[in-house]
N, C-alpha and C. Protein backbone atom coordinates (compact mmCIF):
# COMPACT_ATOMS: atom_id res chain seq x y z
N MET A 1 10.77 -6.10 18.98
CA MET A 1 10.72 -6.41 17.41
C MET A 1 10.45 -6.61 16.50
N LEU A 2 10.24 -6.22 15.16
CA LEU A 2 9.24 -4.98 14.63
C LEU A 2 9.23 -6.63 13.15
N CYS A 3 8.35 -6.23 12.94
CA CYS A 3 7.46 -7.27 11.94
C CYS A 3 7.62 -6.69 10.05
N THR A 4 7.07 -7.20 9.94
CA THR A 4 7.32 -6.79 8.78
C THR A 4 5.45 -7.08 8.28
N ARG A 5 4.66 -5.31 7.42
CA ARG A 5 3.28 -5.22 8.47
C ARG A 5 2.65 -5.53 6.48
N ARG A 6 2.00 -5.88 6.12
CA ARG A 6 0.89 -6.40 5.19
C ARG A 6 -0.68 -5.17 4.34
N VAL A 7 -0.45 -5.75 3.94
CA VAL A 7 -1.49 -4.92 3.10
C VAL A 7 -2.56 -5.30 2.30
N ALA A 8 -3.55 -5.55 2.00
CA ALA A 8 -4.42 -6.34 1.36
C ALA A 8 -5.85 -5.95 -0.03
N VAL A 9 -4.69 -5.21 -1.38
CA VAL A 9 -6.54 -4.24 -1.54
C VAL A 9 -6.44 -5.33 -3.11
N ASP A 10 -7.36 -4.95 -3.07
CA ASP A 10 -9.43 -5.75 -3.26
C ASP A 10 -9.45 -5.39 -4.74
N THR A 11 -9.29 -5.12 -6.12
CA THR A 11 -9.63 -4.24 -7.17
C THR A 11 -10.39 -5.30 -8.11
N THR A 12 -11.10 -6.21 -8.18
CA THR A 12 -12.13 -6.99 -8.67
C THR A 12 -13.21 -6.22 -9.03
N GLU A 13 -13.62 -5.01 -7.56
CA GLU A 13 -14.67 -4.65 -8.62
C GLU A 13 -15.22 -4.33 -9.57
N ALA A 14 -13.68 -3.30 -8.92
CA ALA A 14 -12.68 -1.83 -9.86
C ALA A 14 -12.82 -0.91 -11.33
N GLY A 15 -13.09 -2.05 -12.30
CA GLY A 15 -12.34 -1.33 -12.93
C GLY A 15 -11.23 -2.29 -14.06
N ASP A 16 -10.94 -1.89 -14.84
CA ASP A 16 -8.91 -1.33 -15.53
C ASP A 16 -8.85 -0.61 -14.83
N GLY A 17 -6.90 -1.02 -14.43
CA GLY A 17 -6.48 0.74 -14.15
C GLY A 17 -5.31 -0.20 -12.79
N GLU A 18 -4.19 0.69 -12.72
CA GLU A 18 -3.16 0.08 -12.64
C GLU A 18 -3.24 1.61 -10.85
N VAL A 19 -2.62 0.20 -9.72
CA VAL A 19 -2.77 0.07 -7.84
C VAL A 19 -1.32 0.82 -7.87
N SER A 20 -1.03 1.82 -7.87
CA SER A 20 -0.12 2.45 -6.95
C SER A 20 0.01 2.81 -5.57
N VAL A 21 0.82 2.40 -4.65
CA VAL A 21 0.69 2.63 -2.73
C VAL A 21 1.89 3.05 -2.65
N SER A 22 1.65 3.72 -1.95
CA SER A 22 2.99 4.67 -1.25
C SER A 22 2.75 4.56 0.66
N VAL A 23 4.09 4.06 1.49
CA VAL A 23 3.84 4.09 2.63
C VAL A 23 4.30 5.10 3.70
N VAL A 24 3.90 6.41 3.60
CA VAL A 24 4.33 7.06 4.60
C VAL A 24 5.05 7.35 6.15
N TYR A 25 6.55 7.18 6.45
CA TYR A 25 6.35 7.48 8.02
C TYR A 25 7.40 8.48 8.20
N ASP A 26 7.01 9.17 9.29
CA ASP A 26 7.76 10.48 9.67
C ASP A 26 7.74 11.29 8.88
N GLY A 27 7.09 11.33 7.34
CA GLY A 27 6.97 12.20 6.51
C GLY A 27 9.07 11.50 5.13
N ARG A 28 8.95 10.70 5.24
CA ARG A 28 9.46 9.50 4.47
C ARG A 28 8.57 8.56 3.64
N GLN A 29 9.07 8.45 2.58
CA GLN A 29 8.53 6.97 1.92
C GLN A 29 9.44 6.34 2.55
N MET A 30 8.40 4.62 2.52
CA MET A 30 9.15 3.38 3.22
C MET A 30 9.02 2.67 1.69
N ALA A 31 10.02 1.87 2.06
CA ALA A 31 9.97 1.02 0.85
C ALA A 31 9.36 0.02 1.17
N THR A 32 8.46 -0.83 -0.27
CA THR A 32 7.28 -1.14 -0.67
C THR A 32 7.44 -2.52 -1.74
N ARG A 33 7.46 -3.18 -1.17
CA ARG A 33 7.14 -4.79 -2.63
C ARG A 33 5.39 -5.01 -2.09
N MET A 34 5.74 -4.93 -3.48
CA MET A 34 3.62 -5.50 -4.40
C MET A 34 3.37 -6.57 -5.13
N ASP A 35 2.68 -7.14 -4.66
CA ASP A 35 2.69 -8.86 -5.39
C ASP A 35 1.44 -8.53 -5.96
N ARG A 36 1.28 -9.26 -6.80
CA ARG A 36 -0.09 -9.40 -7.69
C ARG A 36 -0.84 -10.27 -7.79
N VAL A 37 -1.97 -10.88 -7.68
CA VAL A 37 -2.44 -12.17 -7.88
C VAL A 37 -4.21 -11.79 -8.95
N GLY A 38 -4.24 -11.44 -9.91
CA GLY A 38 -4.90 -11.65 -10.12
C GLY A 38 -5.92 -10.24 -9.63
N GLN A 39 -6.30 -10.15 -9.76
CA GLN A 39 -7.12 -8.66 -9.19
C GLN A 39 -6.83 -7.37 -8.02
N ARG A 40 -5.88 -9.22 -7.70
CA ARG A 40 -5.99 -8.29 -5.35
C ARG A 40 -4.08 -8.79 -5.63
N TYR A 41 -4.10 -7.33 -4.87
CA TYR A 41 -2.21 -6.98 -4.43
C TYR A 41 -1.66 -7.05 -3.13
N ASN A 42 -0.90 -8.18 -2.86
CA ASN A 42 -0.20 -6.89 -1.58
C ASN A 42 0.87 -6.60 -1.29
N VAL A 43 0.44 -6.17 -0.23
CA VAL A 43 1.90 -4.69 0.09
C VAL A 43 1.96 -4.95 1.32
N SER A 44 3.38 -5.00 1.25
CA SER A 44 4.15 -5.50 2.96
C SER A 44 5.07 -3.73 2.65
N PHE A 45 5.26 -4.06 4.27
CA PHE A 45 6.76 -3.08 4.29
C PHE A 45 7.59 -3.70 6.20
N LEU A 46 8.61 -3.31 5.34
CA LEU A 46 9.07 -2.60 7.65
C LEU A 46 9.27 -2.03 7.97
N PRO A 47 7.99 -1.37 8.97
CA PRO A 47 8.02 -0.99 10.14
C PRO A 47 9.47 -0.14 10.78
N GLU A 48 9.47 0.71 11.05
CA GLU A 48 11.10 1.66 11.57
C GLU A 48 11.00 1.95 13.20
N GLY A 49 9.91 1.88 13.24
CA GLY A 49 9.97 2.71 14.49
C GLY A 49 7.82 2.61 14.60
N ALA A 50 7.75 3.32 16.13
CA ALA A 50 6.49 3.49 16.10
C ALA A 50 5.66 4.82 16.03
N GLY A 51 5.31 4.67 15.54
CA GLY A 51 4.11 5.73 14.55
C GLY A 51 3.00 5.42 14.36
N VAL A 52 2.99 6.41 14.12
CA VAL A 52 1.82 6.71 12.95
C VAL A 52 2.10 6.43 11.34
N TYR A 53 1.84 5.72 10.67
CA TYR A 53 2.35 5.64 9.16
C TYR A 53 1.05 5.94 8.21
N SER A 54 1.49 6.13 7.10
CA SER A 54 0.57 7.16 6.15
C SER A 54 0.45 5.89 4.67
N ILE A 55 -0.09 5.26 3.92
CA ILE A 55 -1.12 4.27 3.30
C ILE A 55 -1.81 5.12 2.52
N GLU A 56 -1.06 5.35 1.02
CA GLU A 56 -1.91 6.29 0.45
C GLU A 56 -2.17 5.78 -0.78
N LEU A 57 -3.11 5.00 -1.82
CA LEU A 57 -3.60 4.77 -2.22
C LEU A 57 -3.60 5.31 -3.45
N GLN A 58 -3.02 4.67 -5.09
CA GLN A 58 -3.78 5.34 -5.93
C GLN A 58 -5.25 4.25 -6.90
N PHE A 59 -6.10 4.52 -7.59
CA PHE A 59 -5.91 3.63 -8.82
C PHE A 59 -6.57 4.10 -10.08
N ALA A 60 -6.02 4.18 -10.65
CA ALA A 60 -5.78 4.75 -12.44
C ALA A 60 -5.50 5.56 -12.76
N ASP A 61 -4.95 6.20 -12.03
CA ASP A 61 -4.34 8.08 -11.37
C ASP A 61 -5.07 9.03 -10.38
N MET A 62 -6.18 7.97 -9.51
CA MET A 62 -7.15 7.85 -8.83
C MET A 62 -7.20 8.11 -7.55
N ASP A 63 -6.70 9.23 -6.67
CA ASP A 63 -6.45 9.54 -5.05
C ASP A 63 -7.97 8.12 -4.21
N VAL A 64 -7.55 6.79 -4.02
CA VAL A 64 -8.42 6.18 -2.93
C VAL A 64 -8.61 6.82 -1.60
N PRO A 65 -10.04 7.25 -1.12
CA PRO A 65 -9.83 8.06 -0.17
C PRO A 65 -9.87 7.28 1.36
N GLY A 66 -9.38 6.70 2.50
CA GLY A 66 -9.96 5.20 3.63
C GLY A 66 -8.81 4.89 4.21
């Protein structure tokens, strides 16, 4: 059984800017939910199966490596 996965993004030291998160699996963008609490974001998604998932993060229209 697959469970919702969560990723935390903390921007408290990054300054002002919008956060954008994409989760990609098997070449397709997954549906995500992003909840903001102050300068912290909680991103959740439901995996479709075993494999490699790519999490793409942007802050202030700039790619964030990692």
